[in-house]
C-alpha atoms as a PDB file:
ATOM      1  CA  MET A   1       0.000   0.000   0.000  1.00  0.00           C
ATOM      2  CA  ALA A   2       1.372   3.404  -0.932  1.00  0.00           C
ATOM      3  CA  PHE A   3       0.069   6.890  -0.264  1.00  0.00           C
ATOM      4  CA  THR A   4       1.829  10.053  -1.377  1.00  0.00           C
ATOM      5  CA  SER A   5       0.973  13.721  -1.283  1.00  0.00           C
ATOM      6  CA  ALA A   6       2.679  16.882  -2.426  1.00  0.00           C
ATOM      7  CA  ILE A   7       2.263  20.633  -2.044  1.00  0.00           C
ATOM      8  CA  THR A   8       1.961  22.184  -5.508  1.00  0.00           C
ATOM      9  CA  GLU A   9       1.067  25.782  -4.633  1.00  0.00           C
ATOM     10  CA  ARG A  10       1.540  28.104  -1.645  1.00  0.00           C
ATOM     11  CA  GLY A  11      -0.256  31.411  -1.248  1.00  0.00           C
ATOM     12  CA  VAL A  12      -2.003  33.917   1.001  1.00  0.00           C
ATOM     13  CA  GLN A  13      -5.661  34.908   0.949  1.00  0.00           C
ATOM     14  CA  GLY A  14      -6.604  37.664   3.376  1.00  0.00           C
ATOM     15  CA  ASN A  15      -5.052  36.784   6.723  1.00  0.00           C
ATOM     16  CA  LYS A  16      -4.804  33.033   5.969  1.00  0.00           C
ATOM     17  CA  ARG A  17      -2.195  30.938   4.244  1.00  0.00           C
ATOM     18  CA  VAL A  18      -3.628  28.730   1.488  1.00  0.00           C
ATOM     19  CA  ASN A  19      -1.709  25.692   0.273  1.00  0.00           C
ATOM     20  CA  ARG A  20      -2.830  23.328  -2.465  1.00  0.00           C
ATOM     21  CA  GLY A  21      -1.605  19.967  -3.584  1.00  0.00           C
ATOM     22  CA  THR A  22      -2.229  16.459  -4.820  1.00  0.00           C
ATOM     23  CA  TYR A  23      -2.643  13.031  -3.250  1.00  0.00           C
ATOM     24  CA  THR A  24      -2.201   9.606  -4.789  1.00  0.00           C
ATOM     25  CA  ASN A  25      -3.145   6.149  -3.521  1.00  0.00           C
ATOM     26  CA  THR A  26      -1.675   3.054  -5.181  1.00  0.00           C
ATOM     27  CA  ALA A  27      -1.464  -0.680  -4.456  1.00  0.00           C
ATOM     28  CA  GLY A  28      -4.855  -0.721  -2.736  1.00  0.00           C
ATOM     29  CA  SER A  29      -4.109   2.181  -0.393  1.00  0.00           C
ATOM     30  CA  THR A  30      -7.163   3.892   1.141  1.00  0.00           C
ATOM     31  CA  GLY A  31      -5.768   7.156   2.443  1.00  0.00           C
ATOM     32  CA  GLY A  32      -3.008   8.562   4.592  1.00  0.00           C
ATOM     33  CA  ASP A  33      -1.526  11.715   6.111  1.00  0.00           C
ATOM     34  CA  ILE A  34      -1.247  14.933   4.130  1.00  0.00           C
ATOM     35  CA  THR A  35       1.366  17.383   5.384  1.00  0.00           C
ATOM     36  CA  THR A  36      -0.182  20.740   4.485  1.00  0.00           C
ATOM     37  CA  GLY A  37       2.818  22.945   5.277  1.00  0.00           C
ATOM     38  CA  LEU A  38       0.710  24.956   7.742  1.00  0.00           C
ATOM     39  CA  ASN A  39       1.214  25.346  11.485  1.00  0.00           C
ATOM     40  CA  ARG A  40      -2.547  24.991  12.011  1.00  0.00           C
ATOM     41  CA  CYS A  41      -5.061  23.805   9.434  1.00  0.00           C
ATOM     42  CA  ASP A  42      -8.463  25.507   9.866  1.00  0.00           C
ATOM     43  CA  GLU A  43     -10.187  24.347   6.646  1.00  0.00           C
ATOM     44  CA  PHE A  44      -9.487  21.410   4.358  1.00  0.00           C
ATOM     45  CA  ARG A  45     -11.097  20.381   1.064  1.00  0.00           C
ATOM     46  CA  LEU A  46     -10.661  17.278  -1.085  1.00  0.00           C
ATOM     47  CA  ILE A  47     -11.490  16.848  -4.765  1.00  0.00           C
ATOM     48  CA  PRO A  48     -11.051  13.375  -6.303  1.00  0.00           C
ATOM     49  CA  ASN A  49      -9.720  13.638  -9.853  1.00  0.00           C
ATOM     50  CA  ASP A  50     -11.806  12.673 -12.868  1.00  0.00           C
ATOM     51  CA  THR A  51     -10.050   9.336 -13.402  1.00  0.00           C
ATOM     52  CA  SER A  52     -11.017   8.057  -9.931  1.00  0.00           C
ATOM     53  CA  VAL A  53     -14.253   6.159  -9.439  1.00  0.00           C
ATOM     54  CA  GLU A  54     -15.707   7.222  -6.115  1.00  0.00           C
ATOM     55  CA  SER A  55     -17.983   4.655  -4.427  1.00  0.00           C
ATOM     56  CA  ASN A  56     -17.726   6.275  -0.984  1.00  0.00           C
ATOM     57  CA  ALA A  57     -17.257   9.856   0.083  1.00  0.00           C
ATOM     58  CA  THR A  58     -13.648  10.913   0.562  1.00  0.00           C
ATOM     59  CA  VAL A  59     -13.358  12.184   4.129  1.00  0.00           C
ATOM     60  CA  VAL A  60     -11.081  14.088   6.466  1.00  0.00           C
ATOM     61  CA  ASN A  61     -10.430  11.894   9.502  1.00  0.00           C
ATOM     62  CA  GLU A  62      -9.710  14.838  11.842  1.00  0.00           C
ATOM     63  CA  THR A  63     -11.477  17.429  13.941  1.00  0.00           C
ATOM     64  CA  LEU A  64     -10.539  20.858  12.597  1.00  0.00           C
ATOM     65  CA  PRO A  65      -8.589  22.950  13.393  1.00  0.00           C
ATOM     66  CA  VAL A  66      -5.600  20.608  13.350  1.00  0.00           C
ATOM     67  CA  ALA A  67      -2.480  21.782  15.167  1.00  0.00           C
ATOM     68  CA  GLY A  68       0.686  20.877  13.286  1.00  0.00           C
ATOM     69  CA  GLY A  69      -1.027  20.918   9.896  1.00  0.00           C
ATOM     70  CA  VAL A  70      -0.985  17.157   9.217  1.00  0.00           C
ATOM     71  CA  VAL A  71      -4.418  15.970   8.041  1.00  0.00           C
ATOM     72  CA  THR A  72      -5.420  12.308   7.757  1.00  0.00           C
ATOM     73  CA  ILE A  73      -7.797  11.394   4.920  1.00  0.00           C
ATOM     74  CA  VAL A  74      -9.753   8.224   4.085  1.00  0.00           C
ATOM     75  CA  THR A  75     -10.539   7.406   0.439  1.00  0.00           C
ATOM     76  CA  ASP A  76     -11.624   4.578  -1.796  1.00  0.00           C
ATOM     77  CA  ALA A  77      -8.771   2.267  -2.797  1.00  0.00           C
ATOM     78  CA  ASN A  78      -6.365   3.710  -5.366  1.00  0.00           C
ATOM     79  CA  GLN A  79      -8.099   7.098  -5.493  1.00  0.00           C
ATOM     80  CA  SER A  80      -6.117  10.201  -6.397  1.00  0.00           C
ATOM     81  CA  GLY A  81      -7.047  13.847  -6.334  1.00  0.00           C
ATOM     82  CA  TYR A  82      -6.419  17.382  -5.136  1.00  0.00           C
ATOM     83  CA  TRP A  83      -6.551  19.126  -1.778  1.00  0.00           C
ATOM     84  CA  THR A  84      -6.718  22.697  -0.476  1.00  0.00           C
ATOM     85  CA  ALA A  85      -5.783  23.689   3.079  1.00  0.00           C
ATOM     86  CA  GLU A  86      -6.291  27.055   4.777  1.00  0.00           C
ATOM     87  CA  GLY A  87      -4.806  28.150   8.088  1.00  0.00           C
ATOM     88  CA  VAL A  88      -1.813  29.828   9.650  1.00  0.00           C
END
């Protein structure tokens, strides 16, 4: 099972930092930890990509805000997609 994620964009919107990235599950993986690059993650959004078949909702397995900025997600097996995190 393999899960990877990457930050692809870093920015600021108002008084919040906004980071965006990708996640990829392979070999039957069903999620993992996304390091957002934030000290505290206040909001987190997931968008499965158009090549992933989604039988179940992709979910954030955390109570926000998350101190430390590492967010655990749960997905269907082998699903890939995009994420957006806002915080400080």
